[in-house]
Amino acid sequence: MKINKSKNDVFLIAAVSLLLTIGLIMVFSASAFVAHERHGSLIFFFRKQIFWGFLCILGIFIFSRLKINYTPKPGFPLYLVLTSIVLLFGLFIWGDVVNGARRWYNLGLASFQPSEFAKLSLIIYFADIFSRKSGLLHDWQKGLLPHLIIFGLVLVAIFFQPDLGTVIMITMIIGTMAFLSNVRFKHVLAGGIFLLPLLIIKIRSSSYQVKRIIDWWENLNNPLGSGYQIKQSLIGLGRGGLLGNGVGTSKQKFYFLPDSHTDFVFAIVGEEIGFIGTTLILLLFLVVLWRGISIAKRARNPFAQYLAIGVTLNLVLYAFMNAAVTTMLVPTTGIPMPFISYGGSSLLFTGIMIGLLINIARNAEHATMGSISAGGLRSRNISRTLIMSE
């Protein structure tokens, strides 16, 4: 494959580099005690995160520099999604059970979470559909229904792992992409209304999910009520104050806060580097949002536009949802923070998505990406919808 030597997006690369660096430091700090107690090594988790961090950087480098044809071959996006469906359903046979959920394949040296691959596959698939079939998107049966069936199969497979948080996040990402396409707003709204009762039924049928919501609600009204984990998260954030107590000085990571290096690492960030540190991280994700939207607007190919929006939404929505959980704005969902939380598959596919976004930026003004068509984001006027500009 040819290598593209165009300029990179400096702001995006700088933001990602800082996030990855902060993430590696905080994973080591948050996991060292647990790693020593459980595995006899302070760097047990950090060593793995370094390995996946290297793969993340490699993914960014490879996917940012390849000369990619942004007119996908017919059937290729569908092949990706079908592969992800097979991998997701295969979990129910070969997947490892961890805390009552089947979400990972144990590959020996590492674990693989197919829902990460499924997210990227769906973004590519619907970027192709929204750009290539723009004229049919107003037709509910011919334009949308076949693709919603594919979408539904992915959601069902993730739904029964169970991983409700990922289902919600994927729906938000694809729903926003649909809103920016030629899909009628009433159809997007109808899809949300249809999924809402299913979501309620699922939550009511799961005792631990009901407990999470009850704990969240009780803590909003009574801080002395139940909800141990979220209380410890708030204690950590409060203890850090404005400037934090210093990297490595957290007390919450000594078994007070469960998942301190995974889903709740943001609380450790607040405890050790304070409000300044947590604000910096969120500002860096806002930089990613700003550059992602700018890249999508400048892209001269509809597929590239939707792809840029999809991967940007995936990164930013996950980050702010994780921060919202940590600060008790929403019930606990088990959503990791990209770059900051411990996790291999998440870090690898985050790197691939950033690489694709940089690749689009490098090719944004190149004719090789193809011409603008009615299927692009301009059909909804992205500059007005997202209220962002250069």
Protein backbone atom coordinates (compact mmCIF):
# COMPACT_ATOMS: atom_id res chain seq x y z
CA MET A 1 0.00 0.00 0.00
CA LYS A 2 1.13 3.53 -0.70
CA ILE A 3 2.10 5.85 2.12
CA ASN A 4 0.57 9.32 2.32
CA LYS A 5 3.03 12.07 3.27
CA SER A 6 0.55 14.91 3.85
CA LYS A 7 0.58 16.98 7.01
CA ASN A 8 -0.87 15.61 10.23
CA ASP A 9 -3.37 17.31 12.54
CA VAL A 10 -0.96 18.63 15.19
CA PHE A 11 -3.63 19.50 17.76
CA LEU A 12 -5.21 16.06 17.57
CA ILE A 13 -1.85 14.26 17.85
CA ALA A 14 -0.82 16.45 20.79
CA ALA A 15 -4.09 15.79 22.64
CA VAL A 16 -3.88 12.04 22.05
CA SER A 17 -0.21 11.92 23.12
CA LEU A 18 -1.01 13.68 26.39
CA LEU A 19 -4.02 11.44 27.07
CA LEU A 20 -2.01 8.30 26.44
CA THR A 21 0.84 9.50 28.67
CA ILE A 22 -1.50 10.49 31.50
CA GLY A 23 -3.33 7.17 31.13
CA LEU A 24 -0.17 5.09 31.47
CA ILE A 25 0.92 7.02 34.56
CA MET A 26 -2.48 6.76 36.23
CA VAL A 27 -2.92 3.05 35.45
CA PHE A 28 0.41 2.35 37.13
CA SER A 29 -0.46 4.49 40.14
CA ALA A 30 -3.99 3.11 40.53
CA SER A 31 -3.08 -0.55 39.99
CA ALA A 32 0.29 -0.96 41.74
CA PHE A 33 -1.08 -1.96 45.15
CA VAL A 34 -3.66 -4.41 43.78
CA ALA A 35 -1.08 -5.83 41.36
CA HIS A 36 1.36 -6.46 44.19
CA GLU A 37 -1.26 -8.02 46.46
CA ARG A 38 -2.76 -10.31 43.81
CA HIS A 39 0.16 -11.05 41.50
CA GLY A 40 3.29 -10.24 43.50
CA SER A 41 4.43 -7.49 41.14
CA LEU A 42 3.82 -3.74 41.27
CA ILE A 43 3.91 -3.52 37.49
CA PHE A 44 1.71 -6.52 36.62
CA PHE A 45 -1.10 -4.41 35.11
CA PHE A 46 1.20 -1.59 34.04
CA ARG A 47 3.35 -3.99 32.02
CA LYS A 48 0.28 -5.15 30.11
CA GLN A 49 -0.89 -1.58 29.60
CA ILE A 50 2.53 -0.67 28.20
CA PHE A 51 2.22 -3.56 25.72
CA TRP A 52 -1.25 -2.47 24.61
CA GLY A 53 -0.08 1.15 24.56
CA PHE A 54 2.64 0.14 22.11
CA LEU A 55 0.00 -1.57 19.94
CA CYS A 56 -2.16 1.55 20.23
CA ILE A 57 0.68 3.74 18.94
CA LEU A 58 1.40 1.18 16.21
CA GLY A 59 -2.27 1.24 15.22
CA ILE A 60 -2.23 5.03 15.06
CA PHE A 61 0.91 5.03 12.92
CA ILE A 62 -0.24 2.33 10.48
CA PHE A 63 -3.82 3.49 9.97
CA SER A 64 -2.85 7.17 9.75
CA ARG A 65 -0.27 6.67 7.02
CA LEU A 66 -1.84 4.07 4.75
CA LYS A 67 -3.27 5.37 1.51
CA ILE A 68 -6.86 4.25 1.98
CA ASN A 69 -9.54 4.26 -0.70
CA TYR A 70 -12.51 5.96 0.96
CA THR A 71 -14.94 4.30 -1.41
CA PRO A 72 -15.31 0.87 0.26
CA LYS A 73 -15.57 -2.18 -1.95
CA PRO A 74 -19.16 -3.48 -2.10
CA GLY A 75 -19.80 -5.91 0.72
CA PHE A 76 -16.65 -5.15 2.72
CA PRO A 77 -18.38 -3.15 5.53
CA LEU A 78 -21.07 -5.84 5.76
CA TYR A 79 -18.35 -8.51 5.98
CA LEU A 80 -16.81 -6.67 8.94
CA VAL A 81 -20.14 -6.52 10.77
CA LEU A 82 -20.96 -10.17 10.08
CA THR A 83 -17.52 -11.14 11.39
CA SER A 84 -18.19 -9.17 14.56
CA ILE A 85 -21.57 -10.88 14.98
CA VAL A 86 -19.94 -14.32 14.72
CA LEU A 87 -17.32 -13.30 17.29
CA LEU A 88 -19.97 -11.90 19.64
CA PHE A 89 -22.19 -14.96 19.55
CA GLY A 90 -19.12 -17.19 19.81
CA LEU A 91 -18.59 -15.75 23.28
CA PHE A 92 -21.53 -17.79 24.57
CA ILE A 93 -19.58 -20.95 23.68
CA TRP A 94 -15.90 -20.08 24.03
CA GLY A 95 -15.90 -16.83 26.00
CA ASP A 96 -14.44 -16.47 29.50
CA VAL A 97 -16.88 -15.72 32.33
CA VAL A 98 -15.66 -12.77 34.43
CA ASN A 99 -17.92 -11.40 37.17
CA GLY A 100 -20.89 -13.17 35.64
CA ALA A 101 -20.38 -11.75 32.12
CA ARG A 102 -19.06 -13.29 28.90
CA ARG A 103 -17.26 -10.43 27.16
CA TRP A 104 -13.74 -11.70 26.46
CA TYR A 105 -11.86 -14.40 24.61
CA ASN A 106 -8.86 -15.65 26.55
CA LEU A 107 -5.98 -15.76 24.08
CA GLY A 108 -3.40 -16.85 26.63
CA LEU A 109 -1.08 -13.86 26.80
CA ALA A 110 -3.97 -11.42 26.44
CA SER A 111 -7.75 -11.18 26.30
CA PHE A 112 -9.79 -9.89 23.37
CA GLN A 113 -13.14 -8.10 23.70
CA PRO A 114 -15.08 -8.45 20.42
CA SER A 115 -17.53 -5.66 21.27
CA GLU A 116 -14.66 -3.21 20.57
CA PHE A 117 -14.31 -4.64 17.07
CA ALA A 118 -18.11 -4.59 16.69
CA LYS A 119 -18.27 -0.85 17.46
CA LEU A 120 -15.73 0.02 14.78
CA SER A 121 -17.39 -2.35 12.31
CA LEU A 122 -20.79 -0.72 12.85
CA ILE A 123 -19.35 2.76 12.42
CA ILE A 124 -17.75 1.72 9.11
CA TYR A 125 -20.90 -0.10 8.00
CA PHE A 126 -23.27 2.79 8.66
CA ALA A 127 -20.80 5.35 7.28
CA ASP A 128 -21.02 3.35 4.06
CA ILE A 129 -24.82 3.05 4.19
CA PHE A 130 -25.45 6.72 5.00
CA SER A 131 -23.12 7.90 2.24
CA ARG A 132 -23.91 5.37 -0.49
CA LYS A 133 -27.66 4.94 -0.03
CA SER A 134 -28.60 8.51 0.79
CA GLY A 135 -31.54 8.52 -1.63
CA LEU A 136 -33.18 5.47 -0.02
CA LEU A 137 -32.88 6.54 3.60
CA HIS A 138 -36.31 8.20 3.60
CA ASP A 139 -37.90 4.84 2.81
CA TRP A 140 -38.43 2.96 6.09
CA GLN A 141 -38.77 -0.54 4.64
CA LYS A 142 -36.33 -0.48 1.72
CA GLY A 143 -33.83 2.04 3.05
CA LEU A 144 -33.58 1.34 6.77
CA LEU A 145 -35.13 -1.96 7.83
CA PRO A 146 -32.49 -4.34 6.36
CA HIS A 147 -29.70 -2.41 8.06
CA LEU A 148 -31.58 -2.14 11.35
CA ILE A 149 -31.83 -5.94 11.41
CA ILE A 150 -28.03 -6.16 11.15
CA PHE A 151 -27.72 -3.49 13.84
CA GLY A 152 -30.18 -5.35 16.05
CA LEU A 153 -28.21 -8.62 15.82
CA VAL A 154 -25.10 -6.86 17.14
CA LEU A 155 -27.04 -5.23 19.97
CA VAL A 156 -28.70 -8.52 20.96
CA ALA A 157 -25.35 -10.33 21.12
CA ILE A 158 -23.89 -7.62 23.37
CA PHE A 159 -27.14 -7.25 25.33
CA PHE A 160 -27.02 -10.83 26.57
CA GLN A 161 -23.33 -10.89 27.57
CA PRO A 162 -24.65 -8.85 29.46
CA ASP A 163 -23.20 -5.43 28.64
CA LEU A 164 -25.99 -2.89 28.74
CA GLY A 165 -23.61 0.07 28.90
CA THR A 166 -22.04 -0.79 25.55
CA VAL A 167 -25.49 -1.27 23.98
CA ILE A 168 -26.50 2.22 25.10
CA MET A 169 -23.27 3.79 23.86
CA ILE A 170 -23.39 2.10 20.44
CA THR A 171 -27.02 3.18 20.03
CA MET A 172 -26.09 6.78 20.85
CA ILE A 173 -23.21 6.77 18.36
CA ILE A 174 -25.12 5.26 15.44
CA GLY A 175 -28.23 7.27 16.32
CA THR A 176 -26.27 10.53 16.10
CA MET A 177 -24.75 9.47 12.78
CA ALA A 178 -28.28 8.72 11.52
CA PHE A 179 -29.50 12.12 12.70
CA LEU A 180 -26.75 13.79 10.63
CA SER A 181 -27.67 11.76 7.55
CA ASN A 182 -30.75 11.79 5.33
CA VAL A 183 -32.64 9.53 7.72
CA ARG A 184 -35.84 11.27 8.73
CA PHE A 185 -35.87 12.60 12.26
CA LYS A 186 -39.16 10.87 13.02
CA HIS A 187 -37.54 7.52 12.15
CA VAL A 188 -34.59 8.23 14.47
CA LEU A 189 -37.04 9.24 17.19
CA ALA A 190 -39.19 6.16 16.59
CA GLY A 191 -36.14 3.93 16.95
CA GLY A 192 -35.34 5.50 20.30
CA ILE A 193 -38.93 5.12 21.50
CA PHE A 194 -38.95 1.47 20.41
CA LEU A 195 -35.74 0.69 22.31
CA LEU A 196 -36.79 2.46 25.50
CA PRO A 197 -39.31 -0.16 26.74
CA LEU A 198 -36.84 -2.95 25.91
CA LEU A 199 -34.25 -1.13 27.99
CA ILE A 200 -36.67 -0.81 30.90
CA ILE A 201 -37.64 -4.50 30.71
CA LYS A 202 -33.98 -5.53 30.67
CA ILE A 203 -33.13 -3.36 33.66
CA ARG A 204 -36.14 -4.59 35.66
CA SER A 205 -35.22 -8.20 34.95
CA SER A 206 -31.67 -7.74 36.27
CA SER A 207 -31.37 -7.35 40.03
CA TYR A 208 -27.87 -5.85 39.99
CA GLN A 209 -28.84 -3.23 37.38
CA VAL A 210 -31.93 -2.31 39.38
CA LYS A 211 -29.73 -1.98 42.47
CA ARG A 212 -27.33 0.31 40.61
CA ILE A 213 -30.16 2.68 39.71
CA ILE A 214 -31.69 2.55 43.20
CA ASP A 215 -28.30 3.23 44.78
CA TRP A 216 -27.73 6.15 42.43
CA TRP A 217 -31.15 7.65 43.15
CA GLU A 218 -30.84 7.19 46.90
CA ASN A 219 -27.43 8.84 46.92
CA LEU A 220 -28.81 11.84 45.05
CA ASN A 221 -31.35 12.32 47.84
CA ASN A 222 -29.48 10.81 50.78
CA PRO A 223 -25.65 10.72 50.72
CA LEU A 224 -25.73 8.39 53.74
CA GLY A 225 -27.71 5.73 51.85
CA SER A 226 -26.40 2.71 49.92
CA GLY A 227 -23.98 2.80 47.00
CA TYR A 228 -20.52 2.06 48.38
CA GLN A 229 -18.60 2.36 45.12
CA ILE A 230 -19.91 5.74 44.04
CA LYS A 231 -19.38 7.12 47.55
CA GLN A 232 -15.75 6.06 47.48
CA SER A 233 -15.42 7.67 44.07
CA LEU A 234 -16.75 10.98 45.38
CA ILE A 235 -14.52 10.74 48.44
CA GLY A 236 -11.50 10.35 46.17
CA LEU A 237 -12.49 13.33 44.02
CA GLY A 238 -13.19 15.44 47.10
CA ARG A 239 -9.96 14.47 48.80
CA GLY A 240 -7.94 15.66 45.81
CA GLY A 241 -9.27 19.22 45.93
CA LEU A 242 -7.90 21.68 43.41
CA LEU A 243 -4.34 20.44 42.93
CA GLY A 244 -4.50 16.85 44.22
CA ASN A 245 -2.33 15.07 46.76
CA GLY A 246 0.37 13.99 44.33
CA VAL A 247 0.77 11.06 41.93
CA GLY A 248 0.99 7.78 43.82
CA THR A 249 -0.56 9.10 47.06
CA SER A 250 -4.15 7.90 46.58
CA LYS A 251 -5.75 6.14 49.54
CA GLN A 252 -8.84 5.00 47.64
CA LYS A 253 -6.83 2.49 45.59
CA PHE A 254 -6.10 0.47 48.74
CA TYR A 255 -9.27 -1.61 48.23
CA PHE A 256 -11.55 1.28 49.22
CA LEU A 257 -12.59 1.92 45.62
CA PRO A 258 -13.28 -1.20 43.50
CA ASP A 259 -12.16 -1.05 39.85
CA SER A 260 -9.82 1.81 40.73
CA HIS A 261 -7.64 1.24 37.66
CA THR A 262 -10.46 0.43 35.23
CA ASP A 263 -13.92 2.01 35.29
CA PHE A 264 -13.20 4.38 38.20
CA VAL A 265 -9.65 5.47 37.41
CA PHE A 266 -10.99 9.01 36.87
CA ALA A 267 -11.62 9.22 40.63
CA ILE A 268 -7.97 8.33 41.29
CA VAL A 269 -6.96 11.05 38.82
CA GLY A 270 -9.02 13.53 40.84
CA GLU A 271 -7.52 12.37 44.12
CA GLU A 272 -3.91 12.49 42.95
CA ILE A 273 -3.80 15.44 40.53
CA GLY A 274 -6.97 17.20 41.59
CA PHE A 275 -9.60 19.23 39.81
CA ILE A 276 -6.89 20.66 37.57
CA GLY A 277 -5.98 17.15 36.35
CA THR A 278 -9.53 15.98 35.71
CA THR A 279 -10.35 19.24 33.93
CA LEU A 280 -7.25 18.88 31.75
CA ILE A 281 -8.32 15.40 30.69
CA LEU A 282 -11.82 16.55 29.76
CA LEU A 283 -10.41 19.54 27.89
CA LEU A 284 -8.15 17.21 25.90
CA PHE A 285 -11.19 15.17 24.89
CA LEU A 286 -12.90 18.41 23.85
CA VAL A 287 -9.86 19.05 21.63
CA VAL A 288 -10.44 15.61 20.09
CA LEU A 289 -14.10 16.57 19.53
CA TRP A 290 -13.13 19.91 17.98
CA ARG A 291 -10.59 18.36 15.63
CA GLY A 292 -12.87 15.43 14.75
CA ILE A 293 -15.69 17.74 13.69
CA SER A 294 -13.27 19.98 11.81
CA ILE A 295 -11.81 16.96 9.97
CA ALA A 296 -15.29 15.71 9.07
CA LYS A 297 -16.28 19.13 7.70
CA ARG A 298 -13.16 19.39 5.54
CA ALA A 299 -13.36 15.86 4.15
CA ARG A 300 -14.31 15.75 0.46
CA ASN A 301 -15.78 12.28 0.63
CA PRO A 302 -19.15 11.44 2.28
CA PHE A 303 -17.98 8.09 3.65
CA ALA A 304 -14.94 9.75 5.24
CA GLN A 305 -17.21 12.40 6.78
CA TYR A 306 -19.42 9.86 8.51
CA LEU A 307 -16.44 7.75 9.54
CA ALA A 308 -14.77 10.79 11.13
CA ILE A 309 -17.95 11.69 13.03
CA GLY A 310 -18.47 8.09 14.17
CA VAL A 311 -15.00 7.51 15.60
CA THR A 312 -14.99 10.98 17.21
CA LEU A 313 -18.32 10.31 18.91
CA ASN A 314 -17.07 6.95 20.14
CA LEU A 315 -14.06 8.51 21.86
CA VAL A 316 -15.74 11.58 23.32
CA LEU A 317 -19.03 10.03 24.43
CA TYR A 318 -17.20 7.24 26.26
CA ALA A 319 -14.95 9.74 28.01
CA PHE A 320 -17.73 12.00 29.24
CA MET A 321 -20.01 9.11 30.18
CA ASN A 322 -17.23 7.66 32.33
CA ALA A 323 -16.70 11.05 33.97
CA ALA A 324 -20.47 11.35 34.54
CA VAL A 325 -20.55 7.95 36.28
CA THR A 326 -17.55 8.80 38.45
CA THR A 327 -19.16 12.07 39.56
CA MET A 328 -22.58 10.42 40.15
CA LEU A 329 -24.35 12.33 37.37
CA VAL A 330 -25.63 9.03 35.95
CA PRO A 331 -25.94 5.46 37.34
CA THR A 332 -22.93 3.17 37.17
CA THR A 333 -22.61 1.62 33.69
CA GLY A 334 -19.16 0.00 33.56
CA ILE A 335 -17.98 2.31 30.78
CA PRO A 336 -14.16 2.76 30.55
CA MET A 337 -12.49 6.08 29.74
CA PRO A 338 -10.47 5.89 26.49
CA PHE A 339 -6.69 6.08 27.02
CA ILE A 340 -7.09 6.53 30.80
CA SER A 341 -8.70 3.26 31.97
CA TYR A 342 -6.83 -0.06 32.04
CA GLY A 343 -7.84 -2.31 29.17
CA GLY A 344 -6.16 -3.85 26.14
CA SER A 345 -8.82 -4.22 23.46
CA SER A 346 -10.19 -0.76 24.19
CA LEU A 347 -6.74 0.84 23.88
CA LEU A 348 -5.92 -1.02 20.66
CA PHE A 349 -9.15 -0.05 18.86
CA THR A 350 -8.94 3.48 20.22
CA GLY A 351 -5.56 3.71 18.51
CA ILE A 352 -7.00 2.37 15.25
CA MET A 353 -9.82 4.92 15.36
CA ILE A 354 -7.42 7.79 16.02
CA GLY A 355 -5.28 6.54 13.14
CA LEU A 356 -8.29 6.60 10.81
CA LEU A 357 -9.19 10.10 11.96
CA ILE A 358 -5.65 11.35 11.30
CA ASN A 359 -5.73 9.59 7.92
CA ILE A 360 -8.89 11.45 6.96
CA ALA A 361 -7.26 14.72 8.05
CA ARG A 362 -4.20 13.98 5.91
CA ASN A 363 -6.42 13.25 2.91
CA ALA A 364 -9.09 15.90 3.59
CA GLU A 365 -8.21 18.08 0.60
CA HIS A 366 -7.04 15.33 -1.75
CA ALA A 367 -9.13 14.56 -4.79
CA THR A 368 -8.33 10.86 -4.42
CA MET A 369 -10.95 10.64 -1.70
CA GLY A 370 -13.68 11.17 -4.23
CA SER A 371 -16.17 13.94 -4.87
CA ILE A 372 -18.85 15.36 -2.61
CA SER A 373 -22.25 13.81 -3.16
CA ALA A 374 -25.73 14.24 -1.76
CA GLY A 375 -24.92 11.54 0.75
CA GLY A 376 -22.49 13.71 2.68
CA LEU A 377 -22.99 15.42 6.00
CA ARG A 378 -23.80 18.67 4.21
CA SER A 379 -27.30 17.24 3.62
CA ARG A 380 -28.02 18.20 7.24
CA ASN A 381 -25.54 21.12 7.30
CA ILE A 382 -23.11 19.85 9.88
CA SER A 383 -21.88 23.33 10.71
CA ARG A 384 -25.33 24.23 12.02
CA THR A 385 -26.15 20.91 13.59
CA LEU A 386 -22.95 20.65 15.60
CA ILE A 387 -22.50 24.42 16.08
CA MET A 388 -18.77 24.17 15.47
CA SER A 389 -16.53 25.84 12.94
CA GLU A 390 -12.90 26.32 12.06
